[in-house]
């Protein structure tokens, strides 16, 4: 997965996350934190990345060719 591109898209001016979103990576997990919101985690295992936030369903994303599929 190309997470740097995702993080750039999340922090573009004019988006809700543009103000104070921070991201840090520890091992295969990226933590995305926005003040006042639960921390989002993106964990890569093999060819899939699992995106989760406390209290919500975890979403699995996989990249096939130039497309990304999430379920």
PDB file of N, CA and C in Angstrom:
ATOM      1  N   UNK A   1       0.842  -1.178   0.000  1.00  0.00           N
ATOM      2  CA  UNK A   1       0.000   0.000   0.000  1.00  0.00           C
ATOM      3  C   UNK A   1       0.886   1.239   0.000  1.00  0.00           C
ATOM      4  N   UNK A   2       0.400   2.265  -0.578  1.00  0.00           N
ATOM      5  CA  UNK A   2       1.158   3.511  -0.671  1.00  0.00           C
ATOM      6  C   UNK A   2       0.613   4.505   0.347  1.00  0.00           C
ATOM      7  N   UNK A   3       0.921   4.273   1.631  1.00  0.00           N
ATOM      8  CA  UNK A   3       0.355   5.093   2.699  1.00  0.00           C
ATOM      9  C   UNK A   3       0.824   6.534   2.699  1.00  0.00           C
ATOM     10  N   UNK A   4       2.063   6.850   2.283  1.00  0.00           N
ATOM     11  CA  UNK A   4       2.407   8.271   2.237  1.00  0.00           C
ATOM     12  C   UNK A   4       1.450   9.071   1.367  1.00  0.00           C
ATOM     13  N   UNK A   5       1.030   8.512   0.229  1.00  0.00           N
ATOM     14  CA  UNK A   5       0.075   9.211  -0.632  1.00  0.00           C
ATOM     15  C   UNK A   5      -1.262   9.392   0.078  1.00  0.00           C
ATOM     16  N   UNK A   6      -1.690   8.365   0.823  1.00  0.00           N
ATOM     17  CA  UNK A   6      -2.937   8.477   1.572  1.00  0.00           C
ATOM     18  C   UNK A   6      -2.842   9.573   2.621  1.00  0.00           C
ATOM     19  N   UNK A   7      -1.737   9.608   3.343  1.00  0.00           N
ATOM     20  CA  UNK A   7      -1.583  10.616   4.391  1.00  0.00           C
ATOM     21  C   UNK A   7      -1.551  12.021   3.799  1.00  0.00           C
ATOM     22  N   UNK A   8      -0.923  12.166   2.652  1.00  0.00           N
ATOM     23  CA  UNK A   8      -0.916  13.481   1.990  1.00  0.00           C
ATOM     24  C   UNK A   8      -2.336  13.867   1.620  1.00  0.00           C
ATOM     25  N   UNK A   9      -3.100  12.930   1.070  1.00  0.00           N
ATOM     26  CA  UNK A   9      -4.477  13.226   0.683  1.00  0.00           C
ATOM     27  C   UNK A   9      -5.321  13.599   1.893  1.00  0.00           C
ATOM     28  N   UNK A  10      -5.077  12.952   3.027  1.00  0.00           N
ATOM     29  CA  UNK A  10      -5.855  13.249   4.227  1.00  0.00           C
ATOM     30  C   UNK A  10      -5.544  14.623   4.799  1.00  0.00           C
ATOM     31  N   UNK A  11      -4.387  15.158   4.482  1.00  0.00           N
ATOM     32  CA  UNK A  11      -3.986  16.420   5.108  1.00  0.00           C
ATOM     33  C   UNK A  11      -3.940  17.588   4.129  1.00  0.00           C
ATOM     34  N   UNK A  12      -4.546  17.432   2.959  1.00  0.00           N
ATOM     35  CA  UNK A  12      -4.576  18.540   2.005  1.00  0.00           C
ATOM     36  C   UNK A  12      -5.400  19.697   2.573  1.00  0.00           C
ATOM     37  N   UNK A  13      -5.021  20.928   2.262  1.00  0.00           N
ATOM     38  CA  UNK A  13      -5.810  22.079   2.717  1.00  0.00           C
ATOM     39  C   UNK A  13      -7.264  21.942   2.265  1.00  0.00           C
ATOM     40  N   UNK A  14      -8.168  22.349   3.129  1.00  0.00           N
ATOM     41  CA  UNK A  14      -9.580  22.276   2.809  1.00  0.00           C
ATOM     42  C   UNK A  14     -10.249  20.995   3.281  1.00  0.00           C
ATOM     43  N   UNK A  15      -9.479  20.037   3.781  1.00  0.00           N
ATOM     44  CA  UNK A  15     -10.093  18.824   4.308  1.00  0.00           C
ATOM     45  C   UNK A  15     -10.250  18.960   5.812  1.00  0.00           C
ATOM     46  N   UNK A  16     -11.108  18.137   6.365  1.00  0.00           N
ATOM     47  CA  UNK A  16     -11.377  18.205   7.804  1.00  0.00           C
ATOM     48  C   UNK A  16     -10.143  17.885   8.632  1.00  0.00           C
ATOM     49  N   UNK A  17      -9.217  17.121   8.074  1.00  0.00           N
ATOM     50  CA  UNK A  17      -8.051  16.709   8.833  1.00  0.00           C
ATOM     51  C   UNK A  17      -6.836  17.613   8.609  1.00  0.00           C
ATOM     52  N   UNK A  18      -6.999  18.690   7.886  1.00  0.00           N
ATOM     53  CA  UNK A  18      -5.859  19.519   7.494  1.00  0.00           C
ATOM     54  C   UNK A  18      -5.183  20.219   8.669  1.00  0.00           C
ATOM     55  N   UNK A  19      -5.860  20.431   9.763  1.00  0.00           N
ATOM     56  CA  UNK A  19      -5.328  21.271  10.820  1.00  0.00           C
ATOM     57  C   UNK A  19      -4.216  20.642  11.646  1.00  0.00           C
ATOM     58  N   UNK A  20      -4.477  19.531  12.287  1.00  0.00           N
ATOM     59  CA  UNK A  20      -3.490  19.044  13.244  1.00  0.00           C
ATOM     60  C   UNK A  20      -3.319  17.522  13.217  1.00  0.00           C
ATOM     61  N   UNK A  21      -3.508  16.918  12.081  1.00  0.00           N
ATOM     62  CA  UNK A  21      -3.342  15.471  11.987  1.00  0.00           C
ATOM     63  C   UNK A  21      -1.869  15.113  12.041  1.00  0.00           C
ATOM     64  N   UNK A  22      -1.541  14.112  12.842  1.00  0.00           N
ATOM     65  CA  UNK A  22      -0.165  13.617  12.890  1.00  0.00           C
ATOM     66  C   UNK A  22      -0.175  12.123  12.631  1.00  0.00           C
ATOM     67  N   UNK A  23       0.906  11.629  12.092  1.00  0.00           N
ATOM     68  CA  UNK A  23       1.020  10.196  11.836  1.00  0.00           C
ATOM     69  C   UNK A  23       2.398   9.732  12.275  1.00  0.00           C
ATOM     70  N   UNK A  24       2.440   8.543  12.847  1.00  0.00           N
ATOM     71  CA  UNK A  24       3.719   7.946  13.209  1.00  0.00           C
ATOM     72  C   UNK A  24       3.651   6.462  12.900  1.00  0.00           C
ATOM     73  N   UNK A  25       4.798   5.902  12.580  1.00  0.00           N
ATOM     74  CA  UNK A  25       4.851   4.494  12.230  1.00  0.00           C
ATOM     75  C   UNK A  25       5.740   3.740  13.213  1.00  0.00           C
ATOM     76  N   UNK A  26       5.213   2.625  13.701  1.00  0.00           N
ATOM     77  CA  UNK A  26       5.978   1.722  14.564  1.00  0.00           C
ATOM     78  C   UNK A  26       5.818   0.334  13.962  1.00  0.00           C
ATOM     79  N   UNK A  27       6.899  -0.214  13.459  1.00  0.00           N
ATOM     80  CA  UNK A  27       6.838  -1.513  12.793  1.00  0.00           C
ATOM     81  C   UNK A  27       5.956  -1.445  11.568  1.00  0.00           C
ATOM     82  N   UNK A  28       4.977  -2.346  11.491  1.00  0.00           N
ATOM     83  CA  UNK A  28       4.089  -2.375  10.336  1.00  0.00           C
ATOM     84  C   UNK A  28       2.771  -1.645  10.576  1.00  0.00           C
ATOM     85  N   UNK A  29       2.709  -0.831  11.636  1.00  0.00           N
ATOM     86  CA  UNK A  29       1.489  -0.105  11.963  1.00  0.00           C
ATOM     87  C   UNK A  29       1.724   1.401  11.919  1.00  0.00           C
ATOM     88  N   UNK A  30       0.816   2.105  11.248  1.00  0.00           N
ATOM     89  CA  UNK A  30       0.830   3.565  11.217  1.00  0.00           C
ATOM     90  C   UNK A  30      -0.321   4.059  12.083  1.00  0.00           C
ATOM     91  N   UNK A  31      -0.034   5.000  12.962  1.00  0.00           N
ATOM     92  CA  UNK A  31      -1.031   5.599  13.850  1.00  0.00           C
ATOM     93  C   UNK A  31      -1.332   7.002  13.343  1.00  0.00           C
ATOM     94  N   UNK A  32      -2.609   7.277  13.079  1.00  0.00           N
ATOM     95  CA  UNK A  32      -3.028   8.583  12.564  1.00  0.00           C
ATOM     96  C   UNK A  32      -3.883   9.223  13.645  1.00  0.00           C
ATOM     97  N   UNK A  33      -3.405  10.351  14.176  1.00  0.00           N
ATOM     98  CA  UNK A  33      -4.084  10.990  15.304  1.00  0.00           C
ATOM     99  C   UNK A  33      -4.557  12.393  14.927  1.00  0.00           C
ATOM    100  N   UNK A  34      -5.805  12.665  15.270  1.00  0.00           N
ATOM    101  CA  UNK A  34      -6.403  13.987  15.098  1.00  0.00           C
ATOM    102  C   UNK A  34      -6.999  14.380  16.440  1.00  0.00           C
ATOM    103  N   UNK A  35      -6.678  15.567  16.955  1.00  0.00           N
ATOM    104  CA  UNK A  35      -7.241  15.972  18.248  1.00  0.00           C
ATOM    105  C   UNK A  35      -8.763  15.857  18.268  1.00  0.00           C
ATOM    106  N   UNK A  36      -9.286  15.264  19.335  1.00  0.00           N
ATOM    107  CA  UNK A  36     -10.728  15.135  19.499  1.00  0.00           C
ATOM    108  C   UNK A  36     -11.332  13.925  18.813  1.00  0.00           C
ATOM    109  N   UNK A  37     -10.514  13.131  18.129  1.00  0.00           N
ATOM    110  CA  UNK A  37     -11.029  11.943  17.438  1.00  0.00           C
ATOM    111  C   UNK A  37     -10.225  10.721  17.874  1.00  0.00           C
ATOM    112  N   UNK A  38     -10.845   9.541  17.804  1.00  0.00           N
ATOM    113  CA  UNK A  38     -10.086   8.339  18.138  1.00  0.00           C
ATOM    114  C   UNK A  38      -8.923   8.147  17.156  1.00  0.00           C
ATOM    115  N   UNK A  39      -7.850   7.547  17.620  1.00  0.00           N
ATOM    116  CA  UNK A  39      -6.701   7.287  16.756  1.00  0.00           C
ATOM    117  C   UNK A  39      -7.037   6.195  15.755  1.00  0.00           C
ATOM    118  N   UNK A  40      -6.736   6.450  14.503  1.00  0.00           N
ATOM    119  CA  UNK A  40      -6.904   5.464  13.445  1.00  0.00           C
ATOM    120  C   UNK A  40      -5.596   4.714  13.282  1.00  0.00           C
ATOM    121  N   UNK A  41      -5.680   3.387  13.126  1.00  0.00           N
ATOM    122  CA  UNK A  41      -4.475   2.608  12.878  1.00  0.00           C
ATOM    123  C   UNK A  41      -4.585   1.937  11.518  1.00  0.00           C
ATOM    124  N   UNK A  42      -3.461   1.838  10.841  1.00  0.00           N
ATOM    125  CA  UNK A  42      -3.369   1.125   9.569  1.00  0.00           C
ATOM    126  C   UNK A  42      -2.220   0.130   9.707  1.00  0.00           C
ATOM    127  N   UNK A  43      -2.556  -1.155   9.733  1.00  0.00           N
ATOM    128  CA  UNK A  43      -1.563  -2.210   9.929  1.00  0.00           C
ATOM    129  C   UNK A  43      -1.453  -3.045   8.668  1.00  0.00           C
ATOM    130  N   UNK A  44      -0.236  -3.167   8.155  1.00  0.00           N
ATOM    131  CA  UNK A  44      -0.003  -3.962   6.949  1.00  0.00           C
ATOM    132  C   UNK A  44       0.467  -5.356   7.340  1.00  0.00           C
ATOM    133  N   UNK A  45      -0.245  -6.357   6.821  1.00  0.00           N
ATOM    134  CA  UNK A  45       0.113  -7.754   7.018  1.00  0.00           C
ATOM    135  C   UNK A  45       0.068  -8.408   5.645  1.00  0.00           C
ATOM    136  N   UNK A  46       1.210  -8.820   5.155  1.00  0.00           N
ATOM    137  CA  UNK A  46       1.272  -9.396   3.815  1.00  0.00           C
ATOM    138  C   UNK A  46       0.883  -8.376   2.771  1.00  0.00           C
ATOM    139  N   UNK A  47      -0.067  -8.734   1.915  1.00  0.00           N
ATOM    140  CA  UNK A  47      -0.508  -7.841   0.843  1.00  0.00           C
ATOM    141  C   UNK A  47      -1.716  -7.005   1.241  1.00  0.00           C
ATOM    142  N   UNK A  48      -2.160  -7.093   2.471  1.00  0.00           N
ATOM    143  CA  UNK A  48      -3.351  -6.367   2.905  1.00  0.00           C
ATOM    144  C   UNK A  48      -3.010  -5.365   3.999  1.00  0.00           C
ATOM    145  N   UNK A  49      -3.785  -4.287   4.031  1.00  0.00           N
ATOM    146  CA  UNK A  49      -3.677  -3.302   5.104  1.00  0.00           C
ATOM    147  C   UNK A  49      -5.025  -3.231   5.802  1.00  0.00           C
ATOM    148  N   UNK A  50      -5.013  -3.291   7.127  1.00  0.00           N
ATOM    149  CA  UNK A  50      -6.216  -3.269   7.939  1.00  0.00           C
ATOM    150  C   UNK A  50      -6.314  -1.900   8.611  1.00  0.00           C
ATOM    151  N   UNK A  51      -7.409  -1.200   8.343  1.00  0.00           N
ATOM    152  CA  UNK A  51      -7.613   0.140   8.883  1.00  0.00           C
ATOM    153  C   UNK A  51      -8.677   0.041   9.966  1.00  0.00           C
ATOM    154  N   UNK A  52      -8.346   0.552  11.154  1.00  0.00           N
ATOM    155  CA  UNK A  52      -9.304   0.424  12.254  1.00  0.00           C
ATOM    156  C   UNK A  52      -9.315   1.664  13.128  1.00  0.00           C
ATOM    157  N   UNK A  53     -10.444   1.807  13.810  1.00  0.00           N
ATOM    158  CA  UNK A  53     -10.658   2.880  14.776  1.00  0.00           C
ATOM    159  C   UNK A  53     -11.509   2.278  15.886  1.00  0.00           C
ATOM    160  N   UNK A  54     -11.229   2.616  17.144  1.00  0.00           N
ATOM    161  CA  UNK A  54     -11.985   2.019  18.255  1.00  0.00           C
ATOM    162  C   UNK A  54     -13.498   2.143  18.066  1.00  0.00           C
ATOM    163  N   UNK A  55     -14.207   1.040  18.282  1.00  0.00           N
ATOM    164  CA  UNK A  55     -15.661   1.040  18.200  1.00  0.00           C
ATOM    165  C   UNK A  55     -16.226   0.921  16.799  1.00  0.00           C
ATOM    166  N   UNK A  56     -15.364   0.804  15.785  1.00  0.00           N
ATOM    167  CA  UNK A  56     -15.837   0.692  14.406  1.00  0.00           C
ATOM    168  C   UNK A  56     -15.304  -0.589  13.775  1.00  0.00           C
ATOM    169  N   UNK A  57     -15.955  -1.011  12.709  1.00  0.00           N
ATOM    170  CA  UNK A  57     -15.538  -2.214  11.997  1.00  0.00           C
ATOM    171  C   UNK A  57     -14.183  -1.977  11.329  1.00  0.00           C
ATOM    172  N   UNK A  58     -13.309  -2.967  11.402  1.00  0.00           N
ATOM    173  CA  UNK A  58     -12.013  -2.898  10.726  1.00  0.00           C
ATOM    174  C   UNK A  58     -12.214  -3.124   9.231  1.00  0.00           C
ATOM    175  N   UNK A  59     -11.553  -2.310   8.434  1.00  0.00           N
ATOM    176  CA  UNK A  59     -11.647  -2.417   6.981  1.00  0.00           C
ATOM    177  C   UNK A  59     -10.342  -2.988   6.456  1.00  0.00           C
ATOM    178  N   UNK A  60     -10.440  -3.971   5.548  1.00  0.00           N
ATOM    179  CA  UNK A  60      -9.252  -4.555   4.931  1.00  0.00           C
ATOM    180  C   UNK A  60      -9.121  -3.997   3.522  1.00  0.00           C
ATOM    181  N   UNK A  61      -7.933  -3.516   3.178  1.00  0.00           N
ATOM    182  CA  UNK A  61      -7.665  -2.997   1.843  1.00  0.00           C
ATOM    183  C   UNK A  61      -6.503  -3.756   1.225  1.00  0.00           C
ATOM    184  N   UNK A  62      -6.635  -4.038  -0.061  1.00  0.00           N
ATOM    185  CA  UNK A  62      -5.579  -4.722  -0.810  1.00  0.00           C
ATOM    186  C   UNK A  62      -5.380  -3.995  -2.130  1.00  0.00           C
ATOM    187  N   UNK A  63      -4.146  -3.959  -2.567  1.00  0.00           N
ATOM    188  CA  UNK A  63      -3.839  -3.310  -3.831  1.00  0.00           C
ATOM    189  C   UNK A  63      -3.590  -4.385  -4.877  1.00  0.00           C
ATOM    190  N   UNK A  64      -4.319  -4.288  -5.981  1.00  0.00           N
ATOM    191  CA  UNK A  64      -4.157  -5.205  -7.102  1.00  0.00           C
ATOM    192  C   UNK A  64      -3.878  -4.348  -8.330  1.00  0.00           C
ATOM    193  N   UNK A  65      -2.663  -4.458  -8.835  1.00  0.00           N
ATOM    194  CA  UNK A  65      -2.270  -3.593  -9.947  1.00  0.00           C
ATOM    195  C   UNK A  65      -2.271  -2.149  -9.500  1.00  0.00           C
ATOM    196  N   UNK A  66      -2.976  -1.297 -10.233  1.00  0.00           N
ATOM    197  CA  UNK A  66      -3.021   0.121  -9.879  1.00  0.00           C
ATOM    198  C   UNK A  66      -4.295   0.492  -9.125  1.00  0.00           C
ATOM    199  N   UNK A  67      -5.044  -0.505  -8.663  1.00  0.00           N
ATOM    200  CA  UNK A  67      -6.292  -0.246  -7.940  1.00  0.00           C
ATOM    201  C   UNK A  67      -6.216  -0.758  -6.508  1.00  0.00           C
ATOM    202  N   UNK A  68      -6.926  -0.070  -5.622  1.00  0.00           N
ATOM    203  CA  UNK A  68      -7.018  -0.488  -4.230  1.00  0.00           C
ATOM    204  C   UNK A  68      -8.461  -0.877  -3.939  1.00  0.00           C
ATOM    205  N   UNK A  69      -8.637  -2.058  -3.353  1.00  0.00           N
ATOM    206  CA  UNK A  69      -9.957  -2.570  -3.012  1.00  0.00           C
ATOM    207  C   UNK A  69     -10.072  -2.687  -1.500  1.00  0.00           C
ATOM    208  N   UNK A  70     -11.199  -2.222  -0.957  1.00  0.00           N
ATOM    209  CA  UNK A  70     -11.436  -2.305   0.484  1.00  0.00           C
ATOM    210  C   UNK A  70     -12.770  -2.993   0.742  1.00  0.00           C
ATOM    211  N   UNK A  71     -12.807  -3.804   1.793  1.00  0.00           N
ATOM    212  CA  UNK A  71     -14.073  -4.443   2.180  1.00  0.00           C
ATOM    213  C   UNK A  71     -14.246  -4.435   3.678  1.00  0.00           C
TER     214      UNK A  71
END
